[in-house]
Structure formats: C-alpha cells, structure tokens
Amino acid sequence: MAASPRVSGHTVVATDGHAAYAYDLVTGTRTPFGPGSVGTTDLSGLTGNLVAGDTFPGPLAFAYRVDTGLFTALPGLGGPWSIARSSDARGAIAGNSAVPRDPTTGYTATHAVLWIPQH
C-alpha cells in the first residue's frame, strides 16, 4: 500500500512505509530510493524530477533526482534533525532544521532553511 503519493508529469513517487519508489507511467519502471529496511522515508514534495523529503531515524532532509537517481542528504544546521518541506522548478528546497542544543538551557531552536542547488 503506497502512502503520500505525489505526481509530476509522468512520474509518481510514493512510500510503502520504509522505502520510497519512483514510478514512470510511460515505461512502467519502478525505482526504489531511501534507506529501505533500516529506516523510513517521508515524501514532502515533488516538482519536475526533484523529490524533497526526510528519512528516519532522524529525521534528516534529502533530495532525490528521479531523472538521474541521485539521492543527496541535505546538510542541517548542526542540530539533531532537518526536514525538507517542498521544492521548486529551479531545484531549490525549503525546510527547517534544528541548531545545536544550548548547553545552559537545554533548548534546541529551529530555523528555516533554503537549500540551493550547485550547478
């Protein structure tokens, strides 16, 4: 059973609770991506050939290019987690990330993040 399916052009991406899959509606090709049996993959957005989401444990933000099969972990801000929320047609991904815990208060702040692709 697929959860949180996203569609862009002739591509559908969805998760089965662990791995995520990209399915090409033209060729019928199904390509898995994500951590598979060692974690789960949450999909937040699909724009063109770019998938944004996060993996668990973590969560840790990622970008996946459906056209090239490139899976990239996105750097956080030094805290214990980061989440990718959406992507745009130019390849930028928006999300948020925790910063390192303040040793005096134990508080971890969250900040917005914009990951911009390097061309």
PDB file of N, CA and C in Angstrom:
ATOM      1  N   MET A   1       0.841  -1.181   0.000  1.00  0.00           N
ATOM      2  CA  MET A   1       0.000   0.000   0.000  1.00  0.00           C
ATOM      3  C   MET A   1       0.881   1.238   0.000  1.00  0.00           C
ATOM      4  N   ALA A   2       0.741   2.101  -0.964  1.00  0.00           N
ATOM      5  CA  ALA A   2       1.534   3.323  -1.058  1.00  0.00           C
ATOM      6  C   ALA A   2       0.895   4.427  -0.224  1.00  0.00           C
ATOM      7  N   ALA A   3       1.747   5.209   0.415  1.00  0.00           N
ATOM      8  CA  ALA A   3       1.277   6.339   1.213  1.00  0.00           C
ATOM      9  C   ALA A   3       1.854   7.630   0.656  1.00  0.00           C
ATOM     10  N   SER A   4       1.173   8.694   0.843  1.00  0.00           N
ATOM     11  CA  SER A   4       1.558  10.052   0.437  1.00  0.00           C
ATOM     12  C   SER A   4       2.075  10.137  -1.005  1.00  0.00           C
ATOM     13  N   PRO A   5       1.311   9.629  -1.992  1.00  0.00           N
ATOM     14  CA  PRO A   5       1.787   9.702  -3.376  1.00  0.00           C
ATOM     15  C   PRO A   5       1.828  11.142  -3.882  1.00  0.00           C
ATOM     16  N   ARG A   6       2.791  11.403  -4.739  1.00  0.00           N
ATOM     17  CA  ARG A   6       2.948  12.701  -5.394  1.00  0.00           C
ATOM     18  C   ARG A   6       3.086  12.429  -6.885  1.00  0.00           C
ATOM     19  N   VAL A   7       2.540  13.321  -7.726  1.00  0.00           N
ATOM     20  CA  VAL A   7       2.600  13.149  -9.170  1.00  0.00           C
ATOM     21  C   VAL A   7       3.154  14.413  -9.812  1.00  0.00           C
ATOM     22  N   SER A   8       4.077  14.225 -10.770  1.00  0.00           N
ATOM     23  CA  SER A   8       4.599  15.326 -11.570  1.00  0.00           C
ATOM     24  C   SER A   8       4.871  14.787 -12.966  1.00  0.00           C
ATOM     25  N   GLY A   9       4.199  15.346 -13.964  1.00  0.00           N
ATOM     26  CA  GLY A   9       4.368  14.858 -15.328  1.00  0.00           C
ATOM     27  C   GLY A   9       3.977  13.397 -15.419  1.00  0.00           C
ATOM     28  N   HIS A  10       4.889  12.554 -15.884  1.00  0.00           N
ATOM     29  CA  HIS A  10       4.611  11.120 -15.990  1.00  0.00           C
ATOM     30  C   HIS A  10       5.279  10.328 -14.869  1.00  0.00           C
ATOM     31  N   THR A  11       5.601  11.005 -13.748  1.00  0.00           N
ATOM     32  CA  THR A  11       6.251  10.341 -12.616  1.00  0.00           C
ATOM     33  C   THR A  11       5.356  10.380 -11.383  1.00  0.00           C
ATOM     34  N   VAL A  12       5.254   9.238 -10.713  1.00  0.00           N
ATOM     35  CA  VAL A  12       4.568   9.136  -9.427  1.00  0.00           C
ATOM     36  C   VAL A  12       5.609   8.689  -8.413  1.00  0.00           C
ATOM     37  N   VAL A  13       5.666   9.343  -7.254  1.00  0.00           N
ATOM     38  CA  VAL A  13       6.516   8.883  -6.158  1.00  0.00           C
ATOM     39  C   VAL A  13       5.627   8.628  -4.950  1.00  0.00           C
ATOM     40  N   ALA A  14       5.977   7.588  -4.195  1.00  0.00           N
ATOM     41  CA  ALA A  14       5.201   7.222  -3.003  1.00  0.00           C
ATOM     42  C   ALA A  14       6.088   6.393  -2.087  1.00  0.00           C
ATOM     43  N   THR A  15       5.630   6.173  -0.858  1.00  0.00           N
ATOM     44  CA  THR A  15       6.353   5.312   0.080  1.00  0.00           C
ATOM     45  C   THR A  15       5.486   4.105   0.419  1.00  0.00           C
ATOM     46  N   ASP A  16       6.150   3.059   0.913  1.00  0.00           N
ATOM     47  CA  ASP A  16       5.427   1.884   1.388  1.00  0.00           C
ATOM     48  C   ASP A  16       5.607   1.722   2.893  1.00  0.00           C
ATOM     49  N   GLY A  17       6.080   2.790   3.552  1.00  0.00           N
ATOM     50  CA  GLY A  17       6.342   2.736   4.983  1.00  0.00           C
ATOM     51  C   GLY A  17       7.829   2.643   5.290  1.00  0.00           C
ATOM     52  N   HIS A  18       8.617   2.174   4.340  1.00  0.00           N
ATOM     53  CA  HIS A  18      10.075   2.118   4.502  1.00  0.00           C
ATOM     54  C   HIS A  18      10.732   2.817   3.326  1.00  0.00           C
ATOM     55  N   ALA A  19      10.815   2.137   2.224  1.00  0.00           N
ATOM     56  CA  ALA A  19      11.442   2.717   1.039  1.00  0.00           C
ATOM     57  C   ALA A  19      10.440   3.595   0.303  1.00  0.00           C
ATOM     58  N   ALA A  20      10.979   4.466  -0.494  1.00  0.00           N
ATOM     59  CA  ALA A  20      10.160   5.258  -1.396  1.00  0.00           C
ATOM     60  C   ALA A  20      10.406   4.724  -2.798  1.00  0.00           C
ATOM     61  N   TYR A  21       9.445   4.966  -3.667  1.00  0.00           N
ATOM     62  CA  TYR A  21       9.537   4.490  -5.035  1.00  0.00           C
ATOM     63  C   TYR A  21       9.174   5.591  -6.006  1.00  0.00           C
ATOM     64  N   ALA A  22       9.897   5.635  -7.118  1.00  0.00           N
ATOM     65  CA  ALA A  22       9.527   6.483  -8.245  1.00  0.00           C
ATOM     66  C   ALA A  22       8.990   5.544  -9.319  1.00  0.00           C
ATOM     67  N   TYR A  23       7.831   5.861  -9.870  1.00  0.00           N
ATOM     68  CA  TYR A  23       7.216   5.025 -10.892  1.00  0.00           C
ATOM     69  C   TYR A  23       6.995   5.864 -12.136  1.00  0.00           C
ATOM     70  N   ASP A  24       7.563   5.421 -13.256  1.00  0.00           N
ATOM     71  CA  ASP A  24       7.417   6.107 -14.540  1.00  0.00           C
ATOM     72  C   ASP A  24       6.173   5.558 -15.228  1.00  0.00           C
ATOM     73  N   LEU A  25       5.166   6.403 -15.427  1.00  0.00           N
ATOM     74  CA  LEU A  25       3.904   5.968 -16.012  1.00  0.00           C
ATOM     75  C   LEU A  25       4.041   5.602 -17.482  1.00  0.00           C
ATOM     76  N   VAL A  26       5.082   6.090 -18.157  1.00  0.00           N
ATOM     77  CA  VAL A  26       5.279   5.780 -19.572  1.00  0.00           C
ATOM     78  C   VAL A  26       5.969   4.437 -19.749  1.00  0.00           C
ATOM     79  N   THR A  27       7.056   4.212 -19.025  1.00  0.00           N
ATOM     80  CA  THR A  27       7.836   2.986 -19.199  1.00  0.00           C
ATOM     81  C   THR A  27       7.434   1.865 -18.249  1.00  0.00           C
ATOM     82  N   GLY A  28       6.706   2.201 -17.175  1.00  0.00           N
ATOM     83  CA  GLY A  28       6.334   1.202 -16.182  1.00  0.00           C
ATOM     84  C   GLY A  28       7.476   0.826 -15.259  1.00  0.00           C
ATOM     85  N   THR A  29       8.540   1.633 -15.251  1.00  0.00           N
ATOM     86  CA  THR A  29       9.710   1.362 -14.425  1.00  0.00           C
ATOM     87  C   THR A  29       9.480   1.847 -13.000  1.00  0.00           C
ATOM     88  N   ARG A  30       9.762   0.971 -12.033  1.00  0.00           N
ATOM     89  CA  ARG A  30       9.644   1.310 -10.605  1.00  0.00           C
ATOM     90  C   ARG A  30      11.044   1.305 -10.005  1.00  0.00           C
ATOM     91  N   THR A  31      11.461   2.452  -9.439  1.00  0.00           N
ATOM     92  CA  THR A  31      12.803   2.596  -8.891  1.00  0.00           C
ATOM     93  C   THR A  31      12.723   2.938  -7.413  1.00  0.00           C
ATOM     94  N   PRO A  32      13.255   2.071  -6.532  1.00  0.00           N
ATOM     95  CA  PRO A  32      13.246   2.375  -5.094  1.00  0.00           C
ATOM     96  C   PRO A  32      14.335   3.384  -4.730  1.00  0.00           C
ATOM     97  N   PHE A  33      14.089   4.165  -3.692  1.00  0.00           N
ATOM     98  CA  PHE A  33      15.106   5.052  -3.124  1.00  0.00           C
ATOM     99  C   PHE A  33      14.819   5.253  -1.652  1.00  0.00           C
ATOM    100  N   GLY A  34      15.815   5.718  -0.905  1.00  0.00           N
ATOM    101  CA  GLY A  34      15.664   5.922   0.526  1.00  0.00           C
ATOM    102  C   GLY A  34      16.390   4.848   1.310  1.00  0.00           C
ATOM    103  N   PRO A  35      16.264   4.861   2.652  1.00  0.00           N
ATOM    104  CA  PRO A  35      17.025   3.939   3.485  1.00  0.00           C
ATOM    105  C   PRO A  35      16.524   2.500   3.484  1.00  0.00           C
ATOM    106  N   GLY A  36      15.359   2.234   2.923  1.00  0.00           N
ATOM    107  CA  GLY A  36      14.860   0.861   2.868  1.00  0.00           C
ATOM    108  C   GLY A  36      14.548   0.291   4.233  1.00  0.00           C
ATOM    109  N   SER A  37      15.023  -0.908   4.506  1.00  0.00           N
ATOM    110  CA  SER A  37      14.650  -1.622   5.724  1.00  0.00           C
ATOM    111  C   SER A  37      15.272  -1.050   6.996  1.00  0.00           C
ATOM    112  N   VAL A  38      16.257  -0.152   6.887  1.00  0.00           N
ATOM    113  CA  VAL A  38      16.894   0.413   8.083  1.00  0.00           C
ATOM    114  C   VAL A  38      16.222   1.696   8.559  1.00  0.00           C
ATOM    115  N   GLY A  39      15.180   2.129   7.890  1.00  0.00           N
ATOM    116  CA  GLY A  39      14.503   3.350   8.290  1.00  0.00           C
ATOM    117  C   GLY A  39      13.255   3.554   7.452  1.00  0.00           C
ATOM    118  N   THR A  40      12.735   4.755   7.492  1.00  0.00           N
ATOM    119  CA  THR A  40      11.572   5.098   6.679  1.00  0.00           C
ATOM    120  C   THR A  40      11.870   6.354   5.885  1.00  0.00           C
ATOM    121  N   THR A  41      11.068   6.565   4.862  1.00  0.00           N
ATOM    122  CA  THR A  41      11.220   7.728   4.005  1.00  0.00           C
ATOM    123  C   THR A  41       9.894   8.462   3.948  1.00  0.00           C
ATOM    124  N   ASP A  42       9.910   9.754   4.242  1.00  0.00           N
ATOM    125  CA  ASP A  42       8.720  10.592   4.167  1.00  0.00           C
ATOM    126  C   ASP A  42       8.893  11.538   2.989  1.00  0.00           C
ATOM    127  N   LEU A  43       7.894  11.628   2.131  1.00  0.00           N
ATOM    128  CA  LEU A  43       7.950  12.500   0.968  1.00  0.00           C
ATOM    129  C   LEU A  43       7.165  13.768   1.246  1.00  0.00           C
ATOM    130  N   SER A  44       7.793  14.916   0.999  1.00  0.00           N
ATOM    131  CA  SER A  44       7.124  16.186   1.236  1.00  0.00           C
ATOM    132  C   SER A  44       6.731  16.889  -0.051  1.00  0.00           C
ATOM    133  N   GLY A  45       7.517  16.701  -1.110  1.00  0.00           N
ATOM    134  CA  GLY A  45       7.208  17.405  -2.341  1.00  0.00           C
ATOM    135  C   GLY A  45       7.864  16.775  -3.547  1.00  0.00           C
ATOM    136  N   LEU A  46       7.248  16.990  -4.712  1.00  0.00           N
ATOM    137  CA  LEU A  46       7.786  16.573  -5.996  1.00  0.00           C
ATOM    138  C   LEU A  46       7.512  17.687  -6.980  1.00  0.00           C
ATOM    139  N   THR A  47       8.574  18.245  -7.540  1.00  0.00           N
ATOM    140  CA  THR A  47       8.459  19.274  -8.565  1.00  0.00           C
ATOM    141  C   THR A  47       9.342  18.852  -9.722  1.00  0.00           C
ATOM    142  N   GLY A  48       8.742  18.612 -10.874  1.00  0.00           N
ATOM    143  CA  GLY A  48       9.521  18.128 -12.008  1.00  0.00           C
ATOM    144  C   GLY A  48      10.133  16.789 -11.656  1.00  0.00           C
ATOM    145  N   ASN A  49      11.464  16.711 -11.698  1.00  0.00           N
ATOM    146  CA  ASN A  49      12.185  15.480 -11.363  1.00  0.00           C
ATOM    147  C   ASN A  49      12.795  15.504  -9.974  1.00  0.00           C
ATOM    148  N   LEU A  50      12.462  16.486  -9.150  1.00  0.00           N
ATOM    149  CA  LEU A  50      13.081  16.642  -7.840  1.00  0.00           C
ATOM    150  C   LEU A  50      12.110  16.310  -6.708  1.00  0.00           C
ATOM    151  N   VAL A  51      12.502  15.338  -5.891  1.00  0.00           N
ATOM    152  CA  VAL A  51      11.722  14.935  -4.724  1.00  0.00           C
ATOM    153  C   VAL A  51      12.384  15.519  -3.479  1.00  0.00           C
ATOM    154  N   ALA A  52      11.606  16.104  -2.589  1.00  0.00           N
ATOM    155  CA  ALA A  52      12.089  16.584  -1.295  1.00  0.00           C
ATOM    156  C   ALA A  52      11.424  15.754  -0.218  1.00  0.00           C
ATOM    157  N   GLY A  53      12.177  15.446   0.836  1.00  0.00           N
ATOM    158  CA  GLY A  53      11.608  14.677   1.935  1.00  0.00           C
ATOM    159  C   GLY A  53      12.603  14.492   3.051  1.00  0.00           C
ATOM    160  N   ASP A  54      12.329  13.545   3.921  1.00  0.00           N
ATOM    161  CA  ASP A  54      13.240  13.255   5.018  1.00  0.00           C
ATOM    162  C   ASP A  54      13.200  11.775   5.339  1.00  0.00           C
ATOM    163  N   THR A  55      14.302  11.311   5.922  1.00  0.00           N
ATOM    164  CA  THR A  55      14.432   9.919   6.297  1.00  0.00           C
ATOM    165  C   THR A  55      14.426   9.800   7.813  1.00  0.00           C
ATOM    166  N   PHE A  56      13.987   8.669   8.295  1.00  0.00           N
ATOM    167  CA  PHE A  56      14.002   8.371   9.721  1.00  0.00           C
ATOM    168  C   PHE A  56      14.810   7.098   9.915  1.00  0.00           C
ATOM    169  N   PRO A  57      15.639   6.911  10.943  1.00  0.00           N
ATOM    170  CA  PRO A  57      15.718   7.822  12.086  1.00  0.00           C
ATOM    171  C   PRO A  57      16.319   9.165  11.685  1.00  0.00           C
ATOM    172  N   GLY A  58      16.080  10.091  12.519  1.00  0.00           N
ATOM    173  CA  GLY A  58      16.494  11.469  12.255  1.00  0.00           C
ATOM    174  C   GLY A  58      15.443  12.395  12.817  1.00  0.00           C
ATOM    175  N   PRO A  59      14.681  13.021  12.018  1.00  0.00           N
ATOM    176  CA  PRO A  59      14.661  12.990  10.568  1.00  0.00           C
ATOM    177  C   PRO A  59      15.824  13.781   9.964  1.00  0.00           C
ATOM    178  N   LEU A  60      16.230  13.350   8.773  1.00  0.00           N
ATOM    179  CA  LEU A  60      17.274  14.034   8.029  1.00  0.00           C
ATOM    180  C   LEU A  60      16.764  14.330   6.627  1.00  0.00           C
ATOM    181  N   ALA A  61      16.879  15.589   6.204  1.00  0.00           N
ATOM    182  CA  ALA A  61      16.365  16.032   4.915  1.00  0.00           C
ATOM    183  C   ALA A  61      17.155  15.421   3.760  1.00  0.00           C
ATOM    184  N   PHE A  62      16.449  15.202   2.647  1.00  0.00           N
ATOM    185  CA  PHE A  62      17.113  14.710   1.444  1.00  0.00           C
ATOM    186  C   PHE A  62      16.483  15.304   0.193  1.00  0.00           C
ATOM    187  N   ALA A  63      17.228  15.190  -0.905  1.00  0.00           N
ATOM    188  CA  ALA A  63      16.737  15.490  -2.246  1.00  0.00           C
ATOM    189  C   ALA A  63      17.001  14.253  -3.093  1.00  0.00           C
ATOM    190  N   TYR A  64      16.054  13.905  -3.941  1.00  0.00           N
ATOM    191  CA  TYR A  64      16.230  12.776  -4.851  1.00  0.00           C
ATOM    192  C   TYR A  64      15.864  13.223  -6.255  1.00  0.00           C
ATOM    193  N   ARG A  65      16.777  13.006  -7.209  1.00  0.00           N
ATOM    194  CA  ARG A  65      16.539  13.334  -8.609  1.00  0.00           C
ATOM    195  C   ARG A  65      16.021  12.088  -9.312  1.00  0.00           C
ATOM    196  N   VAL A  66      14.764  12.112  -9.730  1.00  0.00           N
ATOM    197  CA  VAL A  66      14.153  10.977 -10.403  1.00  0.00           C
ATOM    198  C   VAL A  66      14.867  10.686 -11.719  1.00  0.00           C
ATOM    199  N   ASP A  67      15.279  11.730 -12.453  1.00  0.00           N
ATOM    200  CA  ASP A  67      15.882  11.542 -13.764  1.00  0.00           C
ATOM    201  C   ASP A  67      17.287  10.947 -13.714  1.00  0.00           C
ATOM    202  N   THR A  68      18.046  11.203 -12.641  1.00  0.00           N
ATOM    203  CA  THR A  68      19.423  10.707 -12.553  1.00  0.00           C
ATOM    204  C   THR A  68      19.604   9.625 -11.494  1.00  0.00           C
ATOM    205  N   GLY A  69      18.637   9.486 -10.581  1.00  0.00           N
ATOM    206  CA  GLY A  69      18.763   8.524  -9.492  1.00  0.00           C
ATOM    207  C   GLY A  69      19.672   8.997  -8.368  1.00  0.00           C
ATOM    208  N   LEU A  70      20.041  10.276  -8.372  1.00  0.00           N
ATOM    209  CA  LEU A  70      20.941  10.816  -7.354  1.00  0.00           C
ATOM    210  C   LEU A  70      20.168  11.124  -6.070  1.00  0.00           C
ATOM    211  N   PHE A  71      20.551  10.476  -4.973  1.00  0.00           N
ATOM    212  CA  PHE A  71      19.967  10.681  -3.650  1.00  0.00           C
ATOM    213  C   PHE A  71      20.977  11.474  -2.833  1.00  0.00           C
ATOM    214  N   THR A  72      20.593  12.661  -2.346  1.00  0.00           N
ATOM    215  CA  THR A  72      21.512  13.536  -1.634  1.00  0.00           C
ATOM    216  C   THR A  72      20.975  13.875  -0.256  1.00  0.00           C
ATOM    217  N   ALA A  73      21.763  13.582   0.780  1.00  0.00           N
ATOM    218  CA  ALA A  73      21.425  14.043   2.131  1.00  0.00           C
ATOM    219  C   ALA A  73      21.720  15.532   2.189  1.00  0.00           C
ATOM    220  N   LEU A  74      20.775  16.314   2.676  1.00  0.00           N
ATOM    221  CA  LEU A  74      20.943  17.769   2.751  1.00  0.00           C
ATOM    222  C   LEU A  74      21.510  18.147   4.116  1.00  0.00           C
ATOM    223  N   PRO A  75      22.496  19.024   4.137  1.00  0.00           N
ATOM    224  CA  PRO A  75      23.124  19.375   5.417  1.00  0.00           C
ATOM    225  C   PRO A  75      22.181  20.167   6.318  1.00  0.00           C
ATOM    226  N   GLY A  76      22.190  19.829   7.595  1.00  0.00           N
ATOM    227  CA  GLY A  76      21.403  20.559   8.579  1.00  0.00           C
ATOM    228  C   GLY A  76      22.218  21.699   9.165  1.00  0.00           C
ATOM    229  N   LEU A  77      21.698  22.285  10.219  1.00  0.00           N
ATOM    230  CA  LEU A  77      22.341  23.427  10.872  1.00  0.00           C
ATOM    231  C   LEU A  77      23.065  23.021  12.153  1.00  0.00           C
ATOM    232  N   GLY A  78      23.428  21.746  12.261  1.00  0.00           N
ATOM    233  CA  GLY A  78      24.196  21.284  13.410  1.00  0.00           C
ATOM    234  C   GLY A  78      23.393  20.646  14.520  1.00  0.00           C
ATOM    235  N   GLY A  79      22.078  20.717  14.426  1.00  0.00           N
ATOM    236  CA  GLY A  79      21.224  20.111  15.437  1.00  0.00           C
ATOM    237  C   GLY A  79      20.892  18.670  15.086  1.00  0.00           C
ATOM    238  N   PRO A  80      19.997  18.059  15.858  1.00  0.00           N
ATOM    239  CA  PRO A  80      19.719  16.632  15.690  1.00  0.00           C
ATOM    240  C   PRO A  80      18.803  16.264  14.524  1.00  0.00           C
ATOM    241  N   TRP A  81      18.191  17.247  13.838  1.00  0.00           N
ATOM    242  CA  TRP A  81      17.276  16.897  12.760  1.00  0.00           C
ATOM    243  C   TRP A  81      17.138  18.011  11.731  1.00  0.00           C
ATOM    244  N   SER A  82      16.674  17.631  10.542  1.00  0.00           N
ATOM    245  CA  SER A  82      16.323  18.578   9.475  1.00  0.00           C
ATOM    246  C   SER A  82      15.207  17.959   8.652  1.00  0.00           C
ATOM    247  N   ILE A  83      14.333  18.802   8.114  1.00  0.00           N
ATOM    248  CA  ILE A  83      13.182  18.337   7.338  1.00  0.00           C
ATOM    249  C   ILE A  83      13.063  19.174   6.067  1.00  0.00           C
ATOM    250  N   ALA A  84      12.958  18.510   4.920  1.00  0.00           N
ATOM    251  CA  ALA A  84      12.704  19.190   3.656  1.00  0.00           C
ATOM    252  C   ALA A  84      11.204  19.207   3.420  1.00  0.00           C
ATOM    253  N   ARG A  85      10.638  20.369   3.156  1.00  0.00           N
ATOM    254  CA  ARG A  85       9.187  20.508   3.033  1.00  0.00           C
ATOM    255  C   ARG A  85       8.688  20.591   1.594  1.00  0.00           C
ATOM    256  N   SER A  86       9.436  21.283   0.723  1.00  0.00           N
ATOM    257  CA  SER A  86       8.980  21.457  -0.658  1.00  0.00           C
ATOM    258  C   SER A  86      10.156  21.811  -1.554  1.00  0.00           C
ATOM    259  N   SER A  87       9.927  21.678  -2.870  1.00  0.00           N
ATOM    260  CA  SER A  87      10.951  22.010  -3.851  1.00  0.00           C
ATOM    261  C   SER A  87      10.331  22.885  -4.930  1.00  0.00           C
ATOM    262  N   ASP A  88      11.198  23.552  -5.705  1.00  0.00           N
ATOM    263  CA  ASP A  88      10.684  24.361  -6.804  1.00  0.00           C
ATOM    264  C   ASP A  88      11.311  23.904  -8.124  1.00  0.00           C
ATOM    265  N   ALA A  89      10.866  24.488  -9.226  1.00  0.00           N
ATOM    266  CA  ALA A  89      11.308  24.078 -10.553  1.00  0.00           C
ATOM    267  C   ALA A  89      12.788  24.351 -10.803  1.00  0.00           C
ATOM    268  N   ARG A  90      13.402  25.231 -10.042  1.00  0.00           N
ATOM    269  CA  ARG A  90      14.834  25.521 -10.203  1.00  0.00           C
ATOM    270  C   ARG A  90      15.717  24.620  -9.349  1.00  0.00           C
ATOM    271  N   GLY A  91      15.116  23.748  -8.543  1.00  0.00           N
ATOM    272  CA  GLY A  91      15.884  22.809  -7.741  1.00  0.00           C
ATOM    273  C   GLY A  91      16.127  23.240  -6.306  1.00  0.00           C
ATOM    274  N   ALA A  92      15.582  24.385  -5.905  1.00  0.00           N
ATOM    275  CA  ALA A  92      15.731  24.826  -4.509  1.00  0.00           C
ATOM    276  C   ALA A  92      14.759  24.035  -3.631  1.00  0.00           C
ATOM    277  N   ILE A  93      15.185  23.772  -2.402  1.00  0.00           N
ATOM    278  CA  ILE A  93      14.358  23.029  -1.449  1.00  0.00           C
ATOM    279  C   ILE A  93      14.245  23.845  -0.168  1.00  0.00           C
ATOM    280  N   ALA A  94      13.020  24.001   0.314  1.00  0.00           N
ATOM    281  CA  ALA A  94      12.765  24.735   1.555  1.00  0.00           C
ATOM    282  C   ALA A  94      12.425  23.747   2.657  1.00  0.00           C
ATOM    283  N   GLY A  95      12.838  24.077   3.870  1.00  0.00           N
ATOM    284  CA  GLY A  95      12.530  23.224   5.005  1.00  0.00           C
ATOM    285  C   GLY A  95      12.922  23.896   6.295  1.00  0.00           C
ATOM    286  N   ASN A  96      13.189  23.089   7.314  1.00  0.00           N
ATOM    287  CA  ASN A  96      13.673  23.635   8.571  1.00  0.00           C
ATOM    288  C   ASN A  96      14.639  22.662   9.217  1.00  0.00           C
ATOM    289  N   SER A  97      15.436  23.184  10.138  1.00  0.00           N
ATOM    290  CA  SER A  97      16.474  22.386  10.785  1.00  0.00           C
ATOM    291  C   SER A  97      16.689  22.892  12.204  1.00  0.00           C
ATOM    292  N   ALA A  98      17.049  21.974  13.063  1.00  0.00           N
ATOM    293  CA  ALA A  98      17.406  22.333  14.435  1.00  0.00           C
ATOM    294  C   ALA A  98      18.866  22.787  14.457  1.00  0.00           C
ATOM    295  N   VAL A  99      19.153  23.703  15.366  1.00  0.00           N
ATOM    296  CA  VAL A  99      20.534  24.119  15.611  1.00  0.00           C
ATOM    297  C   VAL A  99      21.019  23.374  16.853  1.00  0.00           C
ATOM    298  N   PRO A 100      22.323  23.403  17.131  1.00  0.00           N
ATOM    299  CA  PRO A 100      22.816  22.681  18.312  1.00  0.00           C
ATOM    300  C   PRO A 100      22.107  23.126  19.596  1.00  0.00           C
ATOM    301  N   ARG A 101      21.935  22.185  20.502  1.00  0.00           N
ATOM    302  CA  ARG A 101      21.277  22.444  21.793  1.00  0.00           C
ATOM    303  C   ARG A 101      22.109  23.426  22.615  1.00  0.00           C
ATOM    304  N   ASP A 102      21.438  24.390  23.215  1.00  0.00           N
ATOM    305  CA  ASP A 102      22.099  25.338  24.107  1.00  0.00           C
ATOM    306  C   ASP A 102      22.466  24.600  25.389  1.00  0.00           C
ATOM    307  N   PRO A 103      23.769  24.516  25.742  1.00  0.00           N
ATOM    308  CA  PRO A 103      24.178  23.730  26.910  1.00  0.00           C
ATOM    309  C   PRO A 103      23.670  24.292  28.238  1.00  0.00           C
ATOM    310  N   THR A 104      23.354  25.583  28.298  1.00  0.00           N
ATOM    311  CA  THR A 104      22.900  26.159  29.559  1.00  0.00           C
ATOM    312  C   THR A 104      21.402  25.980  29.779  1.00  0.00           C
ATOM    313  N   THR A 105      20.628  25.968  28.693  1.00  0.00           N
ATOM    314  CA  THR A 105      19.174  25.852  28.833  1.00  0.00           C
ATOM    315  C   THR A 105      18.636  24.490  28.388  1.00  0.00           C
ATOM    316  N   GLY A 106      19.414  23.775  27.575  1.00  0.00           N
ATOM    317  CA  GLY A 106      18.937  22.510  27.027  1.00  0.00           C
ATOM    318  C   GLY A 106      17.970  22.700  25.875  1.00  0.00           C
ATOM    319  N   TYR A 107      17.775  23.942  25.451  1.00  0.00           N
ATOM    320  CA  TYR A 107      16.815  24.282  24.417  1.00  0.00           C
ATOM    321  C   TYR A 107      17.437  24.127  23.032  1.00  0.00           C
ATOM    322  N   THR A 108      16.684  23.561  22.089  1.00  0.00           N
ATOM    323  CA  THR A 108      17.104  23.461  20.700  1.00  0.00           C
ATOM    324  C   THR A 108      16.173  24.308  19.855  1.00  0.00           C
ATOM    325  N   ALA A 109      16.708  25.312  19.202  1.00  0.00           N
ATOM    326  CA  ALA A 109      15.912  26.188  18.341  1.00  0.00           C
ATOM    327  C   ALA A 109      15.805  25.594  16.937  1.00  0.00           C
ATOM    328  N   THR A 110      14.788  26.009  16.227  1.00  0.00           N
ATOM    329  CA  THR A 110      14.559  25.588  14.848  1.00  0.00           C
ATOM    330  C   THR A 110      14.623  26.803  13.942  1.00  0.00           C
ATOM    331  N   HIS A 111      15.246  26.638  12.777  1.00  0.00           N
ATOM    332  CA  HIS A 111      15.360  27.725  11.810  1.00  0.00           C
ATOM    333  C   HIS A 111      14.920  27.257  10.433  1.00  0.00           C
ATOM    334  N   ALA A 112      14.415  28.181   9.638  1.00  0.00           N
ATOM    335  CA  ALA A 112      14.093  27.892   8.242  1.00  0.00           C
ATOM    336  C   ALA A 112      15.392  27.685   7.471  1.00  0.00           C
ATOM    337  N   VAL A 113      15.326  26.828   6.460  1.00  0.00           N
ATOM    338  CA  VAL A 113      16.495  26.542   5.632  1.00  0.00           C
ATOM    339  C   VAL A 113      16.073  26.576   4.175  1.00  0.00           C
ATOM    340  N   LEU A 114      16.938  27.127   3.331  1.00  0.00           N
ATOM    341  CA  LEU A 114      16.749  27.059   1.885  1.00  0.00           C
ATOM    342  C   LEU A 114      17.998  26.428   1.302  1.00  0.00           C
ATOM    343  N   TRP A 115      17.847  25.217   0.773  1.00  0.00           N
ATOM    344  CA  TRP A 115      18.953  24.539   0.112  1.00  0.00           C
ATOM    345  C   TRP A 115      18.896  24.904  -1.360  1.00  0.00           C
ATOM    346  N   ILE A 116      19.975  25.453  -1.883  1.00  0.00           N
ATOM    347  CA  ILE A 116      20.052  25.891  -3.269  1.00  0.00           C
ATOM    348  C   ILE A 116      21.017  24.985  -4.021  1.00  0.00           C
ATOM    349  N   PRO A 117      20.593  24.441  -5.181  1.00  0.00           N
ATOM    350  CA  PRO A 117      21.479  23.511  -5.887  1.00  0.00           C
ATOM    351  C   PRO A 117      22.724  24.209  -6.436  1.00  0.00           C
ATOM    352  N   GLN A 118      23.817  23.465  -6.460  1.00  0.00           N
ATOM    353  CA  GLN A 118      25.061  23.956  -7.055  1.00  0.00           C
ATOM    354  C   GLN A 118      25.109  23.461  -8.488  1.00  0.00           C
ATOM    355  N   HIS A 119      25.113  24.381  -9.434  1.00  0.00           N
ATOM    356  CA  HIS A 119      25.125  23.987 -10.862  1.00  0.00           C
ATOM    357  C   HIS A 119      26.510  24.125 -11.421  1.00  0.00           C
TER     358      HIS A 119
END
